[in-house]
């Protein structure tokens, strides 16, 4: 009579699932996409964010923001595009990095994961802007898709450079360890 792994596993330990790595990799991406879906409603149009953002700016900087508020509001919203979609690209990179160990056999893993993260960001930004073009108080603009993709490319480039520097430092440390003289007394 054979016993199942359920009976033999240690108490309190969850059974290993073949889906666990995929959930761990892609759940943050899904949650981030859900944030975009919520923000892509009529309630987050510039006509609805104008007053709360203005009050916050006045609380921080005083009433001096009144003179150029239209430009400041536009800058805040576009900065949100760059930062939000840049972070989304990093979360996508993480997903591709975690699940792409075996899939990226032909290309360097860093390039493969970064490229796909930027591509997915472009596609999600395009879908978001298309959805906004269907709403009465929103305007879907391809320039926003390009801005979102630029934010993704900038943060992915920063991450890529940081990873290259870390790889270089590890290589230098490995060389230093191999070249250490051995003293014998």
Foldseek 3Di string as FASTA:
>chain_A
DDDDVVVVDDPPDDDDDPCVLLCVLCVVLVVLLVVLVVCLAPCNFLVNVLVVVQVVCCVVPNPVCVVPSVVVSVVVVLVCLLQSLLVSLVSQLSSCLRPVPPVQPPHPSLVVSLVVSLVVSLVSLQVSLVSSCPHDRGHRDVVSSVSNSVSNNVSSVVVSVVVVVVVVVVVVVVVVVVPDDDDDD
